[in-house]
């Protein structure tokens, strides 16, 4: 005798056997009790949820030899023939194989005759959306006004492909995906009847594989029983179905939420060693974090989650370590990683980087708290306390905070005594201010005999730049070895472009003319070659300008770091000052 699979052996034979479709079975039973049975029905829904089974049960209820009944007897010849699919008055037609107009014409010719043995001729057309448009049009008139002894029952998984003219002539019943606990309960009943030893956890794995379909779940259970026999272990089920062990999923979530980077990477290594799909593991993590987020947001999930009470309790305890905002950010990271895995050749690396980022993610600060603290800063009152959020064990990456230097008007009183910032560049045709004290790394300062010569040299270079910009730019890169009235001794590094240019007789004559015009007396120009920066001469104007800029930036940074508003903002956002930029003079004047 051939083996009968569980999906056929335990197919629902009465309305009470239908699992998860009570809204359909109760409506049909009330219609039979009240004598309001329509002439055409349309059953829609996902695969394996009971559409065709309901059509057969309805056919038996209408044609049962014991009379119209909400629960067919399943013992009379009519019920048995319908169950076996060989009734002469109940026609099960495959819509995918009978799609043309000729098939519908044959059906219309058959409709005219009375049933042979039963009360009604019943036509069950499965996958009715596969009929062609012409076939649907040929059926319209018959469907709208059929003979009183005819009933139509259509079933489809894609109701949007059925013409609206057909839909309007049928009573439509939408079959739902069956909830996980209902499938597990039905599977438990079946395995108990079959004498199979299996845990509820293993049945839950089988039910999840069915994805809301009772038929798919029973087919999967058949596969498990063929592999394991009458004693089924959880490990065998996980290995056979290729699903990720739920314990790895829980440990992965726990490692991320507890900021355990090493633990998260070890979980990935275990997933890889077991041969599981990295993308599937990532999808399972997404589903589990979704469950935690929903439990965190609503407390009691009810029908929102297909979880047992024990699983919900465990996830609630795990979710207490993170806020809803942090969980949403974790989900965003995982969703991006899962999308990248679809096209990447190194999914393990992508998953590892995602888990590391999640484990080191700094907790989010609520926007309301930030606004309250900013408001307190503006009013000058005490800052409200920060909310206690879980902190990761690893230090978060610093977040740069760009800050512009505050205007002098907003500085506190003690800041007014600070030395004034030197100008960015000396003013043309005017003596430059004395250079600030150079740091230890700067070239050694010139001897006292050159103290007044520095102003002479700077003024002369600015005068040259006003008339000859390129020549003045070259003078900024040379060392003023000796600057005195009537004498200019210029030092250039050996092999430099400035040395080659200034040794040109035409350039020397031009410098003599410019010097005489600037100083008012004939001036001798002498260009000397240097093997290195001199220790007894002032730095070049370019070096001098760089030193001034460096000191000005250091001064601005000190001002920013000591400013109370900046310090409060750094503390509030848990950041650091990465860069300080000076506002242009126009913006300072406006502020």
Protein backbone atom coordinates (compact mmCIF):
# COMPACT_ATOMS: atom_id res chain seq x y z
CA UNK A 1 0.00 0.00 0.00
CA UNK A 2 1.37 3.41 -0.94
CA UNK A 3 2.23 5.88 1.79
CA UNK A 4 -0.21 8.77 2.32
CA UNK A 5 1.59 11.98 3.21
CA UNK A 6 0.55 13.86 6.34
CA UNK A 7 -0.82 16.81 4.35
CA UNK A 8 -3.39 14.48 2.72
CA UNK A 9 -3.92 12.19 5.67
CA UNK A 10 -4.76 15.05 8.04
CA UNK A 11 -6.58 17.27 5.54
CA UNK A 12 -9.55 19.03 7.19
CA UNK A 13 -12.82 17.16 6.58
CA UNK A 14 -15.20 19.44 8.52
CA UNK A 15 -15.40 23.16 9.23
CA UNK A 16 -14.29 22.53 12.81
CA UNK A 17 -11.03 21.02 11.50
CA UNK A 18 -10.07 24.26 9.72
CA UNK A 19 -7.28 25.94 11.70
CA UNK A 20 -6.93 29.70 11.70
CA UNK A 21 -9.87 30.37 9.35
CA UNK A 22 -12.72 30.64 11.83
CA UNK A 23 -14.02 33.80 10.18
CA UNK A 24 -14.63 31.82 6.97
CA UNK A 25 -16.01 28.63 8.50
CA UNK A 26 -18.40 30.49 10.80
CA UNK A 27 -19.77 32.61 7.94
CA UNK A 28 -20.35 29.57 5.75
CA UNK A 29 -22.05 27.65 8.58
CA UNK A 30 -24.36 30.59 9.28
CA UNK A 31 -25.21 30.84 5.58
CA UNK A 32 -26.13 27.14 5.48
CA UNK A 33 -28.19 27.41 8.69
CA UNK A 34 -30.04 30.48 7.43
CA UNK A 35 -30.62 29.23 3.89
CA UNK A 36 -28.54 32.08 2.41
CA UNK A 37 -26.00 30.11 0.41
CA UNK A 38 -24.78 32.19 -2.54
CA UNK A 39 -24.41 30.73 -6.03
CA UNK A 40 -20.74 31.80 -6.41
CA UNK A 41 -17.86 32.01 -3.94
CA UNK A 42 -14.30 33.24 -4.33
CA UNK A 43 -11.71 31.91 -1.86
CA UNK A 44 -8.45 33.87 -1.85
CA UNK A 45 -5.29 33.59 0.22
CA UNK A 46 -1.75 32.24 0.37
CA UNK A 47 -0.86 28.66 -0.49
CA UNK A 48 -1.74 25.88 1.91
CA UNK A 49 -4.15 27.79 4.16
CA UNK A 50 -7.30 25.77 3.39
CA UNK A 51 -8.98 27.21 0.30
CA UNK A 52 -9.52 23.97 -1.62
CA UNK A 53 -10.25 22.06 1.59
CA UNK A 54 -12.95 24.59 2.48
CA UNK A 55 -14.43 24.24 -1.02
CA UNK A 56 -14.69 20.47 -0.57
CA UNK A 57 -16.18 20.79 2.90
CA UNK A 58 -18.79 23.24 1.58
CA UNK A 59 -19.59 20.85 -1.28
CA UNK A 60 -20.09 18.01 1.20
CA UNK A 61 -22.23 20.19 3.48
CA UNK A 62 -24.51 21.07 0.55
CA UNK A 63 -24.76 17.54 -0.88
CA UNK A 64 -24.58 15.34 2.22
CA UNK A 65 -27.21 12.57 2.12
CA UNK A 66 -28.28 13.44 5.69
CA UNK A 67 -29.47 16.83 4.40
CA UNK A 68 -28.12 20.37 4.40
CA UNK A 69 -25.81 20.48 7.42
CA UNK A 70 -23.02 22.64 8.77
CA UNK A 71 -21.00 19.51 9.57
CA UNK A 72 -21.05 16.80 6.87
CA UNK A 73 -21.20 13.21 8.11
CA UNK A 74 -18.20 12.03 6.04
CA UNK A 75 -19.67 8.52 6.08
CA UNK A 76 -22.30 8.58 3.33
CA UNK A 77 -21.40 7.71 -0.25
CA UNK A 78 -21.66 11.32 -1.43
CA UNK A 79 -19.28 12.63 1.24
CA UNK A 80 -16.81 9.83 0.60
CA UNK A 81 -16.88 10.43 -3.16
CA UNK A 82 -16.23 14.15 -2.70
CA UNK A 83 -13.40 13.39 -0.26
CA UNK A 84 -11.82 11.02 -2.78
CA UNK A 85 -12.37 13.47 -5.65
CA UNK A 86 -14.48 11.19 -7.85
CA UNK A 87 -17.99 12.57 -7.36
CA UNK A 88 -20.05 12.80 -10.56
CA UNK A 89 -21.70 16.04 -9.42
CA UNK A 90 -18.70 17.89 -7.93
CA UNK A 91 -16.19 18.95 -10.58
CA UNK A 92 -12.70 20.07 -9.55
CA UNK A 93 -11.21 21.97 -12.48
CA UNK A 94 -7.61 23.13 -12.73
CA UNK A 95 -7.73 26.70 -14.00
CA UNK A 96 -4.15 26.51 -15.24
CA UNK A 97 -4.98 23.57 -17.57
CA UNK A 98 -8.39 24.72 -18.76
CA UNK A 99 -7.80 28.32 -19.68
CA UNK A 100 -9.51 28.71 -23.05
CA UNK A 101 -12.97 29.65 -24.28
CA UNK A 102 -13.63 26.07 -25.47
CA UNK A 103 -13.19 24.77 -21.94
CA UNK A 104 -15.69 27.30 -20.59
CA UNK A 105 -18.15 26.43 -23.39
CA UNK A 106 -17.97 22.76 -22.39
CA UNK A 107 -18.60 23.77 -18.78
CA UNK A 108 -21.64 25.85 -19.82
CA UNK A 109 -23.05 22.91 -21.77
CA UNK A 110 -22.66 20.68 -18.72
CA UNK A 111 -24.38 23.20 -16.45
CA UNK A 112 -27.72 22.80 -18.18
CA UNK A 113 -28.21 19.23 -16.94
CA UNK A 114 -29.48 18.39 -13.47
CA UNK A 115 -27.16 16.64 -11.00
CA UNK A 116 -27.11 12.86 -11.22
CA UNK A 117 -27.32 11.94 -7.53
CA UNK A 118 -26.82 15.08 -5.45
CA UNK A 119 -28.75 18.27 -4.72
CA UNK A 120 -26.30 20.57 -6.49
CA UNK A 121 -23.81 20.50 -9.27
CA UNK A 122 -20.76 22.19 -7.81
CA UNK A 123 -17.86 23.48 -9.92
CA UNK A 124 -14.61 24.09 -8.01
CA UNK A 125 -12.12 25.97 -10.20
CA UNK A 126 -8.67 26.17 -8.63
CA UNK A 127 -6.24 28.93 -9.64
CA UNK A 128 -9.06 30.68 -11.46
CA UNK A 129 -6.87 33.70 -12.21
CA UNK A 130 -5.14 31.60 -14.90
CA UNK A 131 -8.21 31.77 -17.17
CA UNK A 132 -7.88 33.99 -20.19
CA UNK A 133 -9.85 37.20 -20.59
CA UNK A 134 -12.04 35.61 -23.27
CA UNK A 135 -12.76 32.65 -20.99
CA UNK A 136 -13.78 35.00 -18.18
CA UNK A 137 -16.07 36.90 -20.55
CA UNK A 138 -17.68 33.65 -21.70
CA UNK A 139 -18.41 32.79 -18.06
CA UNK A 140 -19.95 36.13 -17.06
CA UNK A 141 -23.59 35.51 -18.01
CA UNK A 142 -23.66 32.00 -16.61
CA UNK A 143 -21.99 33.14 -13.41
CA UNK A 144 -24.46 35.97 -12.88
CA UNK A 145 -27.63 33.91 -13.45
CA UNK A 146 -26.81 30.20 -13.09
CA UNK A 147 -29.46 27.49 -12.82
CA UNK A 148 -30.70 26.91 -9.26
CA UNK A 149 -28.97 23.53 -9.07
CA UNK A 150 -25.46 24.97 -9.74
CA UNK A 151 -22.89 26.43 -7.33
CA UNK A 152 -19.49 27.88 -8.27
CA UNK A 153 -16.50 27.92 -5.92
CA UNK A 154 -13.38 29.67 -7.21
CA UNK A 155 -9.98 29.55 -5.48
CA UNK A 156 -6.94 31.72 -6.24
CA UNK A 157 -3.72 32.96 -4.69
CA UNK A 158 -3.74 36.13 -6.83
CA UNK A 159 -7.16 37.79 -6.65
CA UNK A 160 -5.85 40.99 -8.24
CA UNK A 161 -5.61 39.10 -11.56
CA UNK A 162 -9.31 38.21 -11.53
CA UNK A 163 -11.43 40.71 -13.54
CA UNK A 164 -13.62 43.00 -11.48
CA UNK A 165 -16.64 41.76 -13.42
CA UNK A 166 -16.04 38.29 -11.95
CA UNK A 167 -15.32 39.62 -8.46
CA UNK A 168 -18.56 41.55 -8.38
CA UNK A 169 -20.56 38.37 -9.02
CA UNK A 170 -18.98 36.35 -6.18
CA UNK A 171 -18.94 36.34 -2.41
CA UNK A 172 -15.27 36.79 -1.56
CA UNK A 173 -13.59 35.15 1.45
CA UNK A 174 -10.00 36.07 2.27
CA UNK A 175 -8.04 33.30 3.99
CA UNK A 176 -5.34 34.46 6.41
CA UNK A 177 -1.87 33.13 7.00
CA UNK A 178 -2.11 30.81 9.97
CA UNK A 179 -0.46 32.05 13.17
CA UNK A 180 2.60 30.19 14.40
CA UNK A 181 1.07 29.04 17.73
CA UNK A 182 -1.94 27.60 15.88
CA UNK A 183 0.28 25.64 13.52
CA UNK A 184 2.39 24.36 16.43
CA UNK A 185 -0.76 23.28 18.27
CA UNK A 186 -2.04 21.41 15.20
CA UNK A 187 1.35 19.76 14.65
CA UNK A 188 1.43 18.70 18.29
CA UNK A 189 -1.96 17.02 17.88
CA UNK A 190 -0.81 15.22 14.72
CA UNK A 191 2.51 13.93 16.13
CA UNK A 192 0.74 12.72 19.26
CA UNK A 193 -1.69 10.78 17.08
CA UNK A 194 1.22 9.41 15.04
CA UNK A 195 3.16 8.38 18.15
CA UNK A 196 6.18 10.60 17.44
CA UNK A 197 8.41 12.03 20.19
CA UNK A 198 9.32 15.64 19.35
CA UNK A 199 9.76 18.82 21.39
CA UNK A 200 7.72 21.98 21.04
CA UNK A 201 10.90 23.86 20.04
CA UNK A 202 11.44 21.52 17.11
CA UNK A 203 7.79 21.87 16.07
CA UNK A 204 8.20 25.66 16.20
CA UNK A 205 11.17 25.40 13.83
CA UNK A 206 9.06 23.28 11.46
CA UNK A 207 6.17 25.75 11.69
CA UNK A 208 8.45 28.71 10.94
CA UNK A 209 9.70 26.87 7.88
CA UNK A 210 6.06 26.61 6.75
CA UNK A 211 5.72 30.40 6.87
CA UNK A 212 2.03 30.47 7.76
CA UNK A 213 1.04 27.56 5.50
CA UNK A 214 -0.36 24.43 7.17
CA UNK A 215 0.31 22.29 4.10
CA UNK A 216 3.95 23.44 3.89
CA UNK A 217 4.39 22.80 7.60
CA UNK A 218 2.99 19.27 7.28
CA UNK A 219 5.24 18.59 4.27
CA UNK A 220 8.25 19.76 6.27
CA UNK A 221 7.18 17.58 9.20
CA UNK A 222 6.94 14.62 6.82
CA UNK A 223 10.52 15.29 5.73
CA UNK A 224 11.70 15.45 9.34
CA UNK A 225 9.98 12.19 10.24
CA UNK A 226 11.50 10.48 7.21
CA UNK A 227 14.95 11.53 8.45
CA UNK A 228 14.57 11.05 12.21
CA UNK A 229 11.92 8.34 12.57
CA UNK A 230 9.69 8.37 15.62
CA UNK A 231 12.23 10.14 17.86
CA UNK A 232 13.09 13.64 16.69
CA UNK A 233 15.84 15.74 18.31
CA UNK A 234 16.19 19.50 18.06
CA UNK A 235 19.70 19.20 16.58
CA UNK A 236 18.52 16.88 13.81
CA UNK A 237 15.73 19.28 12.87
CA UNK A 238 18.14 22.24 12.68
CA UNK A 239 20.65 20.25 10.65
CA UNK A 240 18.06 18.86 8.23
CA UNK A 241 16.24 22.11 7.55
CA UNK A 242 19.41 24.21 7.43
CA UNK A 243 18.03 26.81 9.83
CA UNK A 244 20.25 28.75 12.21
CA UNK A 245 20.19 27.53 15.81
CA UNK A 246 17.99 29.88 17.85
CA UNK A 247 20.60 29.88 20.59
CA UNK A 248 23.12 31.48 18.25
CA UNK A 249 20.57 34.16 17.38
CA UNK A 250 19.96 34.93 21.05
CA UNK A 251 23.67 35.00 21.87
CA UNK A 252 24.32 37.29 18.90
CA UNK A 253 21.66 39.75 20.09
CA UNK A 254 22.95 39.56 23.66
CA UNK A 255 26.55 40.25 22.58
CA UNK A 256 25.51 43.28 20.56
CA UNK A 257 23.28 44.77 23.26
CA UNK A 258 25.93 44.18 25.94
CA UNK A 259 28.66 45.76 23.76
CA UNK A 260 30.64 42.51 23.74
CA UNK A 261 32.61 42.85 20.50
CA UNK A 262 34.64 39.68 21.04
CA UNK A 263 31.50 37.66 21.81
CA UNK A 264 29.78 38.95 18.65
CA UNK A 265 32.77 37.98 16.49
CA UNK A 266 32.89 34.52 18.10
CA UNK A 267 29.22 34.02 17.20
CA UNK A 268 30.02 34.83 13.56
CA UNK A 269 32.89 32.35 13.68
CA UNK A 270 30.53 29.64 14.99
CA UNK A 271 27.99 30.40 12.26
CA UNK A 272 30.76 30.04 9.68
CA UNK A 273 32.06 26.79 11.21
CA UNK A 274 28.59 25.25 11.21
CA UNK A 275 28.20 26.08 7.52
CA UNK A 276 25.16 28.31 7.99
CA UNK A 277 24.43 31.05 5.48
CA UNK A 278 25.72 34.40 6.69
CA UNK A 279 22.87 36.19 4.97
CA UNK A 280 20.28 33.91 6.55
CA UNK A 281 21.87 34.47 9.97
CA UNK A 282 21.69 38.23 9.36
CA UNK A 283 18.02 37.90 8.42
CA UNK A 284 17.36 35.91 11.60
CA UNK A 285 19.10 38.62 13.63
CA UNK A 286 16.92 41.25 11.97
CA UNK A 287 13.80 39.28 12.88
CA UNK A 288 14.90 38.84 16.49
CA UNK A 289 15.79 42.53 16.91
CA UNK A 290 12.41 43.36 15.41
CA UNK A 291 10.78 41.22 18.09
CA UNK A 292 12.80 42.95 20.82
CA UNK A 293 11.94 46.40 19.42
CA UNK A 294 8.21 45.65 19.33
CA UNK A 295 8.24 44.25 22.87
CA UNK A 296 10.20 47.29 24.04
CA UNK A 297 7.78 49.69 22.36
CA UNK A 298 4.41 48.16 23.23
CA UNK A 299 5.11 45.96 26.25
CA UNK A 300 2.56 43.22 25.61
CA UNK A 301 2.78 42.27 21.93
CA UNK A 302 -0.31 40.06 21.79
CA UNK A 303 -0.83 38.88 18.22
CA UNK A 304 1.88 41.15 16.84
CA UNK A 305 4.54 38.51 17.46
CA UNK A 306 4.46 34.79 16.89
CA UNK A 307 6.34 33.92 20.08
CA UNK A 308 5.67 31.75 23.07
CA UNK A 309 5.36 33.28 26.54
CA UNK A 310 8.80 31.97 27.50
CA UNK A 311 10.41 33.52 24.40
CA UNK A 312 8.69 36.85 25.04
CA UNK A 313 9.93 36.90 28.63
CA UNK A 314 13.50 36.21 27.53
CA UNK A 315 13.40 38.91 24.85
CA UNK A 316 11.92 41.45 27.28
CA UNK A 317 14.79 40.87 29.69
CA UNK A 318 17.27 41.24 26.84
CA UNK A 319 15.62 44.40 25.51
CA UNK A 320 15.83 46.13 28.89
CA UNK A 321 19.45 46.95 28.13
CA UNK A 322 18.72 49.24 25.17
CA UNK A 323 16.35 52.03 24.19
CA UNK A 324 13.94 51.89 21.26
CA UNK A 325 16.10 54.43 19.39
CA UNK A 326 19.20 52.28 19.79
CA UNK A 327 17.34 49.19 18.61
CA UNK A 328 16.15 51.06 15.54
CA UNK A 329 19.72 52.08 14.75
CA UNK A 330 20.88 48.47 15.15
CA UNK A 331 18.17 47.36 12.73
CA UNK A 332 19.19 50.02 10.20
CA UNK A 333 22.80 48.76 10.29
CA UNK A 334 21.73 45.13 9.85
CA UNK A 335 19.31 45.93 7.01
CA UNK A 336 22.08 47.72 5.14
CA UNK A 337 24.48 44.82 5.74
CA UNK A 338 21.90 42.27 4.55
CA UNK A 339 21.38 44.20 1.32
CA UNK A 340 25.14 44.34 0.72
CA UNK A 341 25.54 40.59 1.31
CA UNK A 342 23.30 39.83 -1.66
CA UNK A 343 26.00 41.04 -4.08
CA UNK A 344 29.24 40.71 -2.08
CA UNK A 345 31.80 37.91 -2.23
CA UNK A 346 32.80 38.24 1.44
CA UNK A 347 29.57 38.13 3.49
CA UNK A 348 31.38 37.17 6.70
CA UNK A 349 33.41 40.39 6.66
CA UNK A 350 30.30 42.48 6.07
CA UNK A 351 28.50 40.79 8.97
CA UNK A 352 31.52 41.16 11.28
CA UNK A 353 31.85 44.86 10.51
CA UNK A 354 28.12 45.37 11.08
CA UNK A 355 28.19 43.60 14.48
CA UNK A 356 31.32 45.51 15.54
CA UNK A 357 29.66 48.79 14.64
CA UNK A 358 26.53 47.81 16.54
CA UNK A 359 28.47 46.68 19.63
CA UNK A 360 30.42 49.97 19.77
CA UNK A 361 27.50 52.22 18.90
CA UNK A 362 27.17 55.13 21.31
CA UNK A 363 23.69 55.38 22.86
CA UNK A 364 21.35 57.93 21.35
CA UNK A 365 20.44 61.00 23.40
CA UNK A 366 16.72 61.88 23.19
CA UNK A 367 16.01 65.02 21.16
CA UNK A 368 13.82 66.39 23.97
CA UNK A 369 16.75 66.19 26.37
CA UNK A 370 19.07 67.99 23.95
CA UNK A 371 16.51 70.75 23.42
CA UNK A 372 16.02 71.13 27.17
CA UNK A 373 19.77 71.43 27.76
CA UNK A 374 20.18 73.94 24.92
CA UNK A 375 17.30 75.96 26.33
CA UNK A 376 18.96 75.93 29.75
CA UNK A 377 22.23 77.11 28.20
CA UNK A 378 20.49 80.05 26.52
CA UNK A 379 18.78 81.07 29.75
CA UNK A 380 21.95 80.68 31.78
CA UNK A 381 20.33 78.27 34.25
CA UNK A 382 21.66 74.91 35.48
CA UNK A 383 21.74 72.08 32.97
CA UNK A 384 19.16 69.33 33.50
CA UNK A 385 20.64 65.93 34.39
CA UNK A 386 21.42 63.57 31.57
CA UNK A 387 19.26 60.50 31.21
CA UNK A 388 20.96 57.27 32.22
CA UNK A 389 21.36 55.25 29.05
CA UNK A 390 23.31 52.01 28.80
CA UNK A 391 26.89 52.67 27.79
CA UNK A 392 28.94 50.28 25.69
CA UNK A 393 32.09 48.95 27.27
CA UNK A 394 34.21 49.99 24.31
CA UNK A 395 34.82 53.72 23.92
CA UNK A 396 32.84 55.19 21.05
CA UNK A 397 34.60 56.77 18.15
CA UNK A 398 35.05 60.53 18.65
CA UNK A 399 32.53 62.70 16.87
CA UNK A 400 34.07 65.87 15.43
CA UNK A 401 32.41 69.13 16.42
CA UNK A 402 33.30 72.08 14.23
CA UNK A 403 33.35 75.40 16.04
CA UNK A 404 33.82 78.96 14.91
CA UNK A 405 35.71 81.29 17.18
CA UNK A 406 33.33 83.44 19.28
CA UNK A 407 33.15 87.15 18.72
CA UNK A 408 34.99 89.34 21.24
CA UNK A 409 31.63 90.73 22.49
CA UNK A 410 30.50 87.28 23.69
CA UNK A 411 33.73 86.45 25.52
CA UNK A 412 33.66 86.42 29.35
CA UNK A 413 35.38 89.29 31.22
CA UNK A 414 38.58 87.36 31.84
CA UNK A 415 38.98 86.86 28.08
CA UNK A 416 39.32 90.63 27.36
CA UNK A 417 42.75 90.69 28.90
CA UNK A 418 44.05 88.14 26.40
CA UNK A 419 46.59 89.48 23.90
CA UNK A 420 45.12 90.71 20.66
CA UNK A 421 45.38 88.35 17.69
CA UNK A 422 47.93 89.52 15.14
CA UNK A 423 46.74 90.25 11.61
CA UNK A 424 46.80 87.45 9.06
CA UNK A 425 49.28 89.33 6.88
CA UNK A 426 51.27 92.59 7.24
CA UNK A 427 49.71 95.69 5.70
CA UNK A 428 51.29 96.94 2.49
CA UNK A 429 53.66 99.94 2.67
CA UNK A 430 53.60 99.89 6.48
CA UNK A 431 56.03 98.41 9.00
CA UNK A 432 54.99 95.02 10.27
CA UNK A 433 54.50 94.38 13.95
CA UNK A 434 57.25 92.62 15.82
CA UNK A 435 56.94 88.88 15.55
CA UNK A 436 55.63 87.09 18.65
CA UNK A 437 58.04 85.04 20.66
CA UNK A 438 58.90 82.02 18.56
CA UNK A 439 58.43 78.54 20.02
CA UNK A 440 61.40 76.34 20.83
CA UNK A 441 61.37 74.65 17.41
CA UNK A 442 61.63 77.99 15.51
CA UNK A 443 64.92 79.29 14.12
CA UNK A 444 67.11 81.15 16.56
CA UNK A 445 66.30 84.86 16.80
CA UNK A 446 68.58 87.42 15.17
CA UNK A 447 71.11 89.40 17.28
CA UNK A 448 70.19 92.75 18.76
CA UNK A 449 71.92 94.65 15.95
CA UNK A 450 69.11 93.47 13.66
CA UNK A 451 66.18 94.53 15.90
CA UNK A 452 65.40 97.62 13.86
CA UNK A 453 66.36 95.97 10.59
CA UNK A 454 63.40 93.60 10.71
CA UNK A 455 60.99 96.48 10.18
CA UNK A 456 63.12 97.84 7.38
CA UNK A 457 63.18 94.50 5.59
CA UNK A 458 59.46 93.81 5.96
CA UNK A 459 58.53 97.25 4.71
CA UNK A 460 60.86 96.94 1.76
CA UNK A 461 59.43 93.54 0.73
CA UNK A 462 55.87 94.88 0.89
CA UNK A 463 56.86 97.86 -1.25
CA UNK A 464 58.43 95.52 -3.83
CA UNK A 465 55.30 93.29 -3.87
CA UNK A 466 53.13 96.34 -4.55
CA UNK A 467 55.12 97.10 -7.70
CA UNK A 468 56.58 93.71 -8.68
CA UNK A 469 54.44 90.92 -7.14
CA UNK A 470 56.54 88.01 -8.45
CA UNK A 471 59.82 89.57 -7.31
CA UNK A 472 58.29 90.43 -3.94
CA UNK A 473 57.10 86.82 -3.56
CA UNK A 474 60.67 85.61 -4.14
CA UNK A 475 61.98 88.00 -1.46
CA UNK A 476 59.55 86.45 1.08
CA UNK A 477 61.42 83.13 0.74
CA UNK A 478 64.98 84.52 1.37
CA UNK A 479 66.85 85.36 4.56
CA UNK A 480 67.72 89.03 5.36
CA UNK A 481 71.37 88.46 6.43
CA UNK A 482 72.07 92.18 6.78
CA UNK A 483 69.67 95.09 6.38
CA UNK A 484 71.11 98.56 6.95
CA UNK A 485 70.85 101.96 5.36
CA UNK A 486 72.69 101.69 2.07
CA UNK A 487 73.29 97.92 2.33
CA UNK A 488 71.05 94.88 1.66
CA UNK A 489 72.66 91.44 2.03
CA UNK A 490 70.27 88.64 1.00
CA UNK A 491 70.84 84.93 1.75
CA UNK A 492 69.43 82.19 -0.45
CA UNK A 493 69.75 78.42 0.03
CA UNK A 494 72.20 76.72 -2.29
CA UNK A 495 70.45 75.32 -5.40
CA UNK A 496 67.19 77.19 -4.76
CA UNK A 497 65.15 78.91 -7.45
CA UNK A 498 65.39 82.20 -5.54
CA UNK A 499 69.22 82.11 -5.68
CA UNK A 500 69.21 81.60 -9.44
CA UNK A 501 66.71 84.39 -9.97
CA UNK A 502 68.25 87.01 -7.66
CA UNK A 503 71.77 86.45 -9.06
CA UNK A 504 70.51 87.69 -12.44
CA UNK A 505 72.13 91.11 -13.06
CA UNK A 506 68.84 92.52 -14.33
CA UNK A 507 67.06 91.50 -11.11
CA UNK A 508 69.90 92.99 -9.04
CA UNK A 509 69.70 96.31 -10.90
CA UNK A 510 65.90 96.34 -10.49
CA UNK A 511 66.28 95.69 -6.74
CA UNK A 512 68.82 98.55 -6.49
CA UNK A 513 66.36 100.90 -8.16
CA UNK A 514 63.48 99.80 -5.93
CA UNK A 515 65.64 100.04 -2.77
CA UNK A 516 66.81 103.54 -3.62
CA UNK A 517 63.21 104.60 -4.24
CA UNK A 518 62.08 103.06 -0.92
CA UNK A 519 64.98 104.08 1.38
CA UNK A 520 65.82 107.36 -0.35
CA UNK A 521 69.60 106.62 -0.63
CA UNK A 522 71.69 104.53 -3.04
CA UNK A 523 71.66 100.90 -1.77
CA UNK A 524 74.15 98.12 -2.49
CA UNK A 525 72.55 94.68 -3.13
CA UNK A 526 74.54 91.56 -2.26
CA UNK A 527 73.19 88.02 -2.81
CA UNK A 528 75.00 85.18 -0.96
CA UNK A 529 74.52 81.37 -1.21
CA UNK A 530 73.80 79.52 2.05
CA UNK A 531 74.29 75.82 2.80
CA UNK A 532 71.48 75.91 5.39
CA UNK A 533 69.24 78.29 7.33
CA UNK A 534 71.46 80.85 9.07
CA UNK A 535 71.46 81.08 12.86
CA UNK A 536 72.44 84.75 12.99
CA UNK A 537 69.73 86.07 10.65
CA UNK A 538 65.99 86.62 11.01
CA UNK A 539 63.65 83.98 9.53
CA UNK A 540 62.17 84.52 6.11
CA UNK A 541 58.90 86.41 5.94
CA UNK A 542 57.18 83.16 4.84
CA UNK A 543 58.48 81.33 7.95
CA UNK A 544 57.56 84.28 10.10
CA UNK A 545 54.02 84.28 8.72
CA UNK A 546 53.68 80.52 9.34
CA UNK A 547 54.81 80.97 12.96
CA UNK A 548 52.31 83.77 13.46
CA UNK A 549 49.50 81.67 11.95
CA UNK A 550 50.37 78.70 14.14
CA UNK A 551 50.39 80.83 17.28
CA UNK A 552 47.13 82.47 16.28
CA UNK A 553 45.48 79.08 15.76
CA UNK A 554 46.75 77.85 19.11
CA UNK A 555 45.42 81.01 20.75
CA UNK A 556 42.00 80.54 19.10
CA UNK A 557 41.87 76.91 20.23
CA UNK A 558 42.67 77.90 23.80
CA UNK A 559 39.90 80.50 23.67
CA UNK A 560 37.43 77.92 22.31
CA UNK A 561 38.36 75.29 24.88
CA UNK A 562 38.03 77.74 27.76
CA UNK A 563 34.72 79.20 26.60
CA UNK A 564 31.88 77.97 28.90
CA UNK A 565 29.33 77.51 26.07
CA UNK A 566 31.74 75.41 24.05
CA UNK A 567 32.66 73.31 27.07
CA UNK A 568 28.98 72.73 27.84
CA UNK A 569 28.24 71.72 24.24
CA UNK A 570 31.17 69.26 24.20
CA UNK A 571 29.95 67.72 27.43
CA UNK A 572 26.32 67.57 26.24
CA UNK A 573 27.09 65.85 22.92
CA UNK A 574 29.91 63.72 24.34
CA UNK A 575 32.28 64.98 21.67
CA UNK A 576 35.56 66.81 21.23
CA UNK A 577 36.74 69.92 19.39
CA UNK A 578 38.19 68.70 16.12
CA UNK A 579 38.76 72.03 14.39
CA UNK A 580 38.49 75.73 15.21
CA UNK A 581 37.89 78.18 12.37
CA UNK A 582 38.20 81.93 12.60
CA UNK A 583 35.22 83.95 11.44
CA UNK A 584 35.89 86.51 8.69
CA UNK A 585 36.02 90.12 9.88
CA UNK A 586 32.67 90.90 8.17
CA UNK A 587 30.88 88.17 10.12
CA UNK A 588 32.57 89.30 13.35
CA UNK A 589 31.31 92.83 12.75
CA UNK A 590 27.74 91.56 12.18
CA UNK A 591 27.81 89.41 15.36
